[in-house]
Amino acid sequence: MTSETEHPVVSASTDSHSAFLKIRNYLQQRIIGQEKLVDSLLIALLADGHLLVEGAPGLAKTTAIKELANVLEGDFHRLQFTPDLLPGDLTGTDVYRPETGEFVFQQGPLFHNLILADEINRAPAKVQSALLEAMGERQITVGRTTYTLPSPFLVMATQNPIEQEGTYPLPEAQLDRFLMHVMIDYPSAEHENAILELARKQAAEQYEPRATPMQLSNMEVKHAQKAILGLHMAAPVQEYLVQLVLASRDPSPYSEQLARWISYGGSPRATIALDRCSRAHAWLHGRDYVSPEDVQAVAYEVLRHRILLSYEAEADGVTSDKIIAALIQNTPVG
């Protein structure tokens, strides 16, 4: 992990940055072998966006956001998505009170700061749409009344890549609502041993009072979110960022084969997401400027779910990650 002393942050947000580094260190100790997931969660929080995480069961997806909730000033709610779920089960509904003869709004589980939408692809389209509308608008409308959701508001949705029977895959247009799409894999043998040791330690600790970790206030989160917007991005870096997204739409100037593999590329929302995530990555690593390496570091998570492959690409076994690697390799820097 990069320390503050290696890359000092020259900004008014030094205190917030120090707090985020401590949070990052704490999460990496609790979620072993999933550094990409930890960093992506913090980047999503800094960039004020939402996360789609895909990985096999047992890879600490639920643990990650629960541990993040432990160190934030806010509340957490887990939603298990099932085929019989209704939109009102997420948003809440108007409940009739016979004693007063009035309808009173009863808030649903979306009125929490951190939401885990577990196996989002197991719920039908109406339920997915209700969640994605809340993610995009930060508000929900029930009847004639609109209710504002709390701030910060972060949704981490998970997908299980193993069992696809009885699922409702998210359409590409809805996937675009997610800031990042993170793919996680099994840990290494070294990390597996560390996980085993941690599990034993936690099993023993459950009989003892657990020390409360430091908490990050909502004000510190807002200061950090504002700080990343103030990071310096040189004109050539911004041009590189834009060209990378444009190349995802039309890579024919670089490669005719790439052009045959892509049906649709990143939307302007992808450009905004890449900018925000690049800034958050630079800030989290202690820099007050954005480099091309910051753009490349988050490009896979930002573009992975926004590139629609052609039938030819699918037939050839080409993945979005392979295309992104080719785009990074072919798009000139500066």
Protein backbone atom coordinates (compact mmCIF):
# COMPACT_ATOMS: atom_id res chain seq x y z
CA MET A 1 0.00 0.00 0.00
CA THR A 2 1.19 3.49 -0.83
CA SER A 3 1.77 5.67 2.22
CA GLU A 4 1.30 9.38 2.63
CA THR A 5 5.01 9.95 3.09
CA GLU A 6 5.77 8.47 -0.33
CA HIS A 7 3.31 10.67 -2.17
CA PRO A 8 2.35 13.73 -0.11
CA VAL A 9 -0.98 15.30 -0.98
CA VAL A 10 -0.72 19.04 -1.42
CA SER A 11 -4.29 20.03 -0.67
CA ALA A 12 -6.62 21.13 2.09
CA SER A 13 -7.99 17.58 2.27
CA THR A 14 -4.90 16.05 3.95
CA ASP A 15 -6.90 15.02 7.02
CA SER A 16 -9.55 13.33 4.90
CA HIS A 17 -6.86 11.62 2.85
CA SER A 18 -5.15 10.34 6.00
CA ALA A 19 -8.50 8.99 7.23
CA PHE A 20 -9.14 7.23 3.92
CA LEU A 21 -5.69 5.63 4.04
CA LYS A 22 -6.43 4.26 7.51
CA ILE A 23 -9.79 2.96 6.29
CA ARG A 24 -8.12 1.36 3.29
CA ASN A 25 -5.54 -0.32 5.50
CA TYR A 26 -8.25 -1.58 7.86
CA LEU A 27 -10.35 -3.00 5.01
CA GLN A 28 -7.36 -4.77 3.46
CA GLN A 29 -6.68 -6.45 6.80
CA ARG A 30 -10.30 -7.62 7.03
CA ILE A 31 -10.76 -8.56 3.35
CA ILE A 32 -7.62 -10.43 2.44
CA GLY A 33 -6.58 -10.95 -1.16
CA GLN A 34 -9.18 -8.62 -2.66
CA GLU A 35 -7.25 -5.36 -2.98
CA LYS A 36 -9.03 -4.50 -6.24
CA LEU A 37 -12.42 -4.81 -4.55
CA VAL A 38 -11.34 -2.68 -1.59
CA ASP A 39 -9.91 0.06 -3.82
CA SER A 40 -12.96 -0.03 -6.10
CA LEU A 41 -15.30 0.41 -3.13
CA LEU A 42 -13.36 3.45 -1.94
CA ILE A 43 -13.13 4.87 -5.48
CA ALA A 44 -16.90 4.45 -5.89
CA LEU A 45 -17.44 6.25 -2.57
CA LEU A 46 -15.09 9.07 -3.58
CA ALA A 47 -16.60 9.37 -7.07
CA ASP A 48 -20.15 9.23 -5.68
CA GLY A 49 -21.09 6.24 -7.82
CA HIS A 50 -22.23 2.63 -7.60
CA LEU A 51 -20.52 -0.70 -7.99
CA LEU A 52 -21.40 -3.95 -9.76
CA VAL A 53 -19.31 -6.84 -8.44
CA GLU A 54 -19.14 -10.22 -10.15
CA GLY A 55 -17.52 -13.25 -8.62
CA ALA A 56 -18.08 -16.74 -7.31
CA PRO A 57 -19.71 -17.26 -3.88
CA GLY A 58 -17.48 -16.95 -0.83
CA LEU A 59 -15.14 -14.24 -2.12
CA ALA A 60 -16.00 -11.66 0.60
CA LYS A 61 -18.32 -9.49 -1.51
CA THR A 62 -20.84 -9.15 1.33
CA THR A 63 -18.10 -8.84 3.94
CA ALA A 64 -16.47 -5.99 2.01
CA ILE A 65 -19.44 -3.63 2.07
CA LYS A 66 -20.38 -4.63 5.64
CA GLU A 67 -16.88 -3.75 6.79
CA LEU A 68 -17.07 -0.46 4.89
CA ALA A 69 -20.36 0.27 6.68
CA ASN A 70 -18.60 -0.31 10.00
CA VAL A 71 -16.21 2.57 9.35
CA LEU A 72 -18.70 5.06 7.90
CA GLU A 73 -21.11 7.37 9.66
CA GLY A 74 -24.23 5.86 8.17
CA ASP A 75 -26.29 2.71 8.02
CA PHE A 76 -26.22 -0.45 5.95
CA HIS A 77 -28.92 -2.72 4.56
CA ARG A 78 -28.68 -5.96 2.64
CA LEU A 79 -31.28 -6.82 0.01
CA GLN A 80 -31.49 -10.40 -1.19
CA PHE A 81 -32.92 -10.19 -4.69
CA THR A 82 -35.38 -12.97 -5.54
CA PRO A 83 -37.85 -13.54 -8.41
CA ASP A 84 -40.86 -12.67 -6.20
CA LEU A 85 -39.49 -9.28 -5.10
CA LEU A 86 -41.67 -6.22 -5.87
CA PRO A 87 -40.59 -2.60 -6.47
CA GLY A 88 -42.39 -1.52 -3.31
CA ASP A 89 -40.22 -3.92 -1.33
CA LEU A 90 -37.31 -1.60 -2.16
CA THR A 91 -38.82 1.86 -2.26
CA GLY A 92 -41.47 1.60 0.42
CA THR A 93 -45.17 2.20 0.08
CA ASP A 94 -48.10 4.27 1.34
CA VAL A 95 -49.79 2.49 4.25
CA TYR A 96 -53.39 3.30 5.21
CA ARG A 97 -53.96 4.20 8.89
CA PRO A 98 -57.60 3.49 9.81
CA GLU A 99 -57.37 5.53 13.02
CA THR A 100 -56.59 8.71 11.10
CA GLY A 101 -58.08 7.84 7.71
CA GLU A 102 -54.80 8.87 6.03
CA PHE A 103 -52.05 7.20 4.04
CA VAL A 104 -48.61 7.34 5.64
CA PHE A 105 -45.43 6.58 3.70
CA GLN A 106 -43.44 3.72 5.14
CA GLN A 107 -39.83 3.91 3.98
CA GLY A 108 -38.30 0.91 2.24
CA PRO A 109 -34.76 -0.42 2.63
CA LEU A 110 -33.39 1.97 -0.03
CA PHE A 111 -33.41 4.69 2.64
CA HIS A 112 -29.99 3.64 3.92
CA ASN A 113 -26.51 4.95 3.08
CA LEU A 114 -24.99 1.66 1.94
CA ILE A 115 -27.04 -0.93 0.07
CA LEU A 116 -25.97 -4.45 -0.84
CA ALA A 117 -28.14 -5.67 -3.72
CA ASP A 118 -27.23 -9.34 -3.52
CA GLU A 119 -27.66 -11.27 -6.79
CA ILE A 120 -29.39 -8.41 -8.54
CA ASN A 121 -29.91 -10.50 -11.67
CA ARG A 122 -32.32 -12.79 -9.81
CA ALA A 123 -35.02 -10.10 -9.61
CA PRO A 124 -37.32 -9.18 -12.53
CA ALA A 125 -36.89 -6.06 -14.64
CA LYS A 126 -39.38 -3.91 -12.68
CA VAL A 127 -37.43 -4.37 -9.46
CA GLN A 128 -34.10 -3.76 -11.18
CA SER A 129 -35.52 -0.57 -12.70
CA ALA A 130 -36.71 0.68 -9.30
CA LEU A 131 -33.21 0.25 -7.89
CA LEU A 132 -31.45 1.77 -10.90
CA GLU A 133 -33.79 4.79 -10.88
CA ALA A 134 -32.90 5.41 -7.24
CA MET A 135 -29.22 5.05 -8.10
CA GLY A 136 -29.41 7.57 -10.94
CA GLU A 137 -31.76 10.15 -9.45
CA ARG A 138 -30.92 9.74 -5.74
CA GLN A 139 -34.63 9.94 -5.10
CA ILE A 140 -37.77 7.82 -5.41
CA THR A 141 -41.34 8.76 -6.24
CA VAL A 142 -44.28 6.99 -4.64
CA GLY A 143 -47.68 8.20 -5.78
CA ARG A 144 -47.37 11.96 -6.20
CA THR A 145 -44.62 12.48 -3.67
CA THR A 146 -40.87 12.42 -4.29
CA TYR A 147 -38.53 11.44 -1.47
CA THR A 148 -34.81 12.25 -1.37
CA LEU A 149 -32.45 9.43 -0.47
CA PRO A 150 -29.75 9.90 2.18
CA SER A 151 -26.23 11.08 1.39
CA PRO A 152 -23.84 9.42 0.88
CA PHE A 153 -25.75 6.76 -1.04
CA LEU A 154 -23.80 3.82 -2.45
CA VAL A 155 -25.19 0.63 -3.97
CA MET A 156 -23.03 -2.43 -4.38
CA ALA A 157 -24.82 -4.99 -6.53
CA THR A 158 -23.51 -8.52 -6.93
CA GLN A 159 -23.86 -11.11 -9.66
CA ASN A 160 -23.06 -14.80 -9.43
CA PRO A 161 -21.39 -15.94 -12.68
CA ILE A 162 -21.91 -19.63 -11.92
CA GLU A 163 -25.66 -20.14 -11.68
CA GLN A 164 -27.45 -18.40 -14.56
CA GLU A 165 -30.66 -20.45 -14.60
CA GLY A 166 -33.66 -18.40 -13.51
CA THR A 167 -31.86 -15.06 -13.75
CA TYR A 168 -32.76 -11.79 -15.44
CA PRO A 169 -29.55 -10.33 -16.91
CA LEU A 170 -29.25 -6.57 -16.66
CA PRO A 171 -29.72 -4.85 -20.04
CA GLU A 172 -26.72 -2.89 -21.31
CA ALA A 173 -28.56 0.43 -20.89
CA GLN A 174 -29.09 -0.34 -17.21
CA LEU A 175 -25.55 -1.60 -16.72
CA ASP A 176 -24.39 1.85 -17.81
CA ARG A 177 -25.81 3.23 -14.55
CA PHE A 178 -23.05 1.52 -12.61
CA LEU A 179 -19.87 3.53 -12.20
CA MET A 180 -17.68 0.40 -12.21
CA HIS A 181 -17.96 -3.33 -12.91
CA VAL A 182 -15.47 -5.27 -10.81
CA MET A 183 -14.55 -8.89 -11.52
CA ILE A 184 -13.01 -10.77 -8.59
CA ASP A 185 -11.34 -14.16 -8.55
CA TYR A 186 -10.13 -16.70 -6.02
CA PRO A 187 -7.24 -15.63 -3.75
CA SER A 188 -3.70 -16.99 -4.02
CA ALA A 189 -2.42 -19.79 -1.77
CA GLU A 190 -0.64 -17.21 0.40
CA HIS A 191 -3.82 -15.19 0.82
CA GLU A 192 -5.85 -18.36 1.40
CA ASN A 193 -3.65 -19.20 4.40
CA ALA A 194 -4.02 -15.65 5.72
CA ILE A 195 -7.81 -15.91 5.33
CA LEU A 196 -7.79 -19.14 7.33
CA GLU A 197 -5.82 -17.49 10.13
CA LEU A 198 -8.17 -14.50 10.13
CA ALA A 199 -11.23 -16.77 10.26
CA ARG A 200 -9.84 -18.56 13.32
CA LYS A 201 -9.05 -15.25 14.99
CA GLN A 202 -12.54 -13.88 14.28
CA ALA A 203 -14.14 -17.07 15.59
CA ALA A 204 -12.27 -16.60 18.88
CA GLU A 205 -13.09 -12.88 19.02
CA GLN A 206 -16.84 -13.42 18.75
CA TYR A 207 -16.89 -14.23 22.47
CA GLU A 208 -15.14 -10.98 23.34
CA PRO A 209 -16.17 -7.33 22.85
CA ARG A 210 -14.94 -6.17 19.46
CA ALA A 211 -13.08 -2.87 19.32
CA THR A 212 -14.94 -0.30 17.27
CA PRO A 213 -12.86 0.83 14.27
CA MET A 214 -12.41 4.50 13.49
CA GLN A 215 -15.37 6.06 11.72
CA LEU A 216 -15.36 8.36 8.72
CA SER A 217 -17.89 11.15 9.07
CA ASN A 218 -20.23 12.17 6.26
CA MET A 219 -18.54 15.57 6.23
CA GLU A 220 -15.12 13.97 5.66
CA VAL A 221 -16.57 11.95 2.79
CA LYS A 222 -17.99 15.13 1.22
CA HIS A 223 -14.66 16.94 1.65
CA ALA A 224 -12.89 14.06 -0.08
CA GLN A 225 -15.45 13.97 -2.90
CA LYS A 226 -14.90 17.69 -3.43
CA ALA A 227 -11.12 17.29 -3.24
CA ILE A 228 -10.91 14.81 -6.12
CA LEU A 229 -12.75 17.25 -8.38
CA GLY A 230 -10.02 19.80 -7.72
CA LEU A 231 -7.14 17.55 -8.77
CA HIS A 232 -5.10 18.85 -11.70
CA MET A 233 -5.62 17.07 -15.00
CA ALA A 234 -3.35 18.27 -17.78
CA ALA A 235 -4.91 18.85 -21.20
CA PRO A 236 -3.03 15.92 -22.82
CA VAL A 237 -4.29 13.55 -20.09
CA GLN A 238 -7.86 14.72 -20.58
CA GLU A 239 -7.50 14.29 -24.35
CA TYR A 240 -6.13 10.78 -23.80
CA LEU A 241 -9.10 9.94 -21.57
CA VAL A 242 -11.60 11.19 -24.16
CA GLN A 243 -9.84 9.41 -27.03
CA LEU A 244 -9.88 6.14 -25.10
CA VAL A 245 -13.67 6.30 -24.80
CA LEU A 246 -14.06 7.41 -28.42
CA ALA A 247 -11.91 4.48 -29.50
CA SER A 248 -14.32 2.13 -27.70
CA ARG A 249 -17.04 3.38 -30.06
CA ASP A 250 -15.03 3.40 -33.26
CA PRO A 251 -11.60 1.73 -33.10
CA SER A 252 -11.33 1.44 -36.89
CA PRO A 253 -8.50 4.06 -37.10
CA TYR A 254 -6.39 1.74 -34.95
CA SER A 255 -7.61 -1.74 -35.89
CA GLU A 256 -10.23 -3.07 -38.31
CA GLN A 257 -10.42 -6.27 -36.28
CA LEU A 258 -11.31 -4.31 -33.13
CA ALA A 259 -14.01 -2.51 -35.09
CA ARG A 260 -15.55 -5.85 -36.06
CA TRP A 261 -15.56 -6.98 -32.45
CA ILE A 262 -17.42 -3.96 -31.00
CA SER A 263 -21.12 -3.29 -31.56
CA TYR A 264 -21.40 -0.37 -29.14
CA GLY A 265 -18.85 1.47 -27.02
CA GLY A 266 -18.89 3.74 -24.01
CA SER A 267 -21.44 6.53 -23.75
CA PRO A 268 -20.67 10.07 -22.49
CA ARG A 269 -21.50 8.66 -19.07
CA ALA A 270 -18.43 6.45 -19.51
CA THR A 271 -16.27 9.54 -20.11
CA ILE A 272 -17.56 11.16 -16.93
CA ALA A 273 -17.08 7.93 -14.97
CA LEU A 274 -13.53 7.49 -16.27
CA ASP A 275 -12.71 11.07 -15.27
CA ARG A 276 -14.15 10.67 -11.75
CA CYS A 277 -12.54 7.29 -11.14
CA SER A 278 -9.14 8.42 -12.45
CA ARG A 279 -9.23 11.37 -10.09
CA ALA A 280 -10.29 9.19 -7.14
CA HIS A 281 -7.52 6.69 -7.93
CA ALA A 282 -4.88 9.44 -8.05
CA TRP A 283 -6.13 11.04 -4.81
CA LEU A 284 -6.31 7.71 -3.01
CA HIS A 285 -2.68 7.05 -3.98
CA GLY A 286 -1.55 10.42 -2.66
CA ARG A 287 -1.21 12.52 -5.80
CA ASP A 288 -2.67 15.96 -6.52
CA TYR A 289 -2.65 15.38 -10.29
CA VAL A 290 -4.04 12.74 -12.63
CA SER A 291 -1.66 10.73 -14.80
CA PRO A 292 -2.33 8.44 -17.79
CA GLU A 293 -1.50 5.53 -15.47
CA ASP A 294 -4.47 6.52 -13.26
CA VAL A 295 -6.74 6.43 -16.32
CA GLN A 296 -5.42 3.00 -17.32
CA ALA A 297 -5.71 1.66 -13.77
CA VAL A 298 -9.50 2.14 -13.71
CA ALA A 299 -10.25 1.71 -17.43
CA TYR A 300 -11.18 -1.96 -17.18
CA GLU A 301 -13.71 -1.46 -14.36
CA VAL A 302 -15.22 1.63 -16.02
CA LEU A 303 -15.48 0.29 -19.58
CA ARG A 304 -15.95 -3.46 -19.04
CA HIS A 305 -19.76 -3.32 -18.82
CA ARG A 306 -20.14 -0.53 -21.35
CA ILE A 307 -18.65 -2.29 -24.37
CA LEU A 308 -21.18 -4.44 -26.23
CA LEU A 309 -19.48 -7.23 -28.14
CA SER A 310 -20.47 -8.26 -31.65
CA TYR A 311 -21.57 -11.79 -32.50
CA GLU A 312 -18.22 -12.27 -34.23
CA ALA A 313 -16.35 -11.39 -31.02
CA GLU A 314 -18.46 -13.79 -28.97
CA ALA A 315 -17.90 -16.54 -31.51
CA ASP A 316 -14.15 -15.91 -31.37
CA GLY A 317 -14.17 -16.05 -27.55
CA VAL A 318 -13.13 -12.41 -27.25
CA THR A 319 -13.85 -10.68 -23.93
CA SER A 320 -14.39 -7.02 -23.09
CA ASP A 321 -11.14 -7.05 -21.11
CA LYS A 322 -9.19 -8.19 -24.18
CA ILE A 323 -10.70 -5.32 -26.18
CA ILE A 324 -9.91 -2.78 -23.45
CA ALA A 325 -6.31 -4.00 -23.33
CA ALA A 326 -6.07 -3.50 -27.09
CA LEU A 327 -7.62 -0.02 -26.83
CA ILE A 328 -5.09 0.99 -24.15
CA GLN A 329 -2.25 -0.38 -26.25
CA ASN A 330 -3.37 1.39 -29.44
CA THR A 331 -4.56 4.76 -28.10
CA PRO A 332 -1.58 7.17 -28.01
CA VAL A 333 -0.81 8.97 -24.77
CA GLY A 334 -0.35 12.71 -25.27
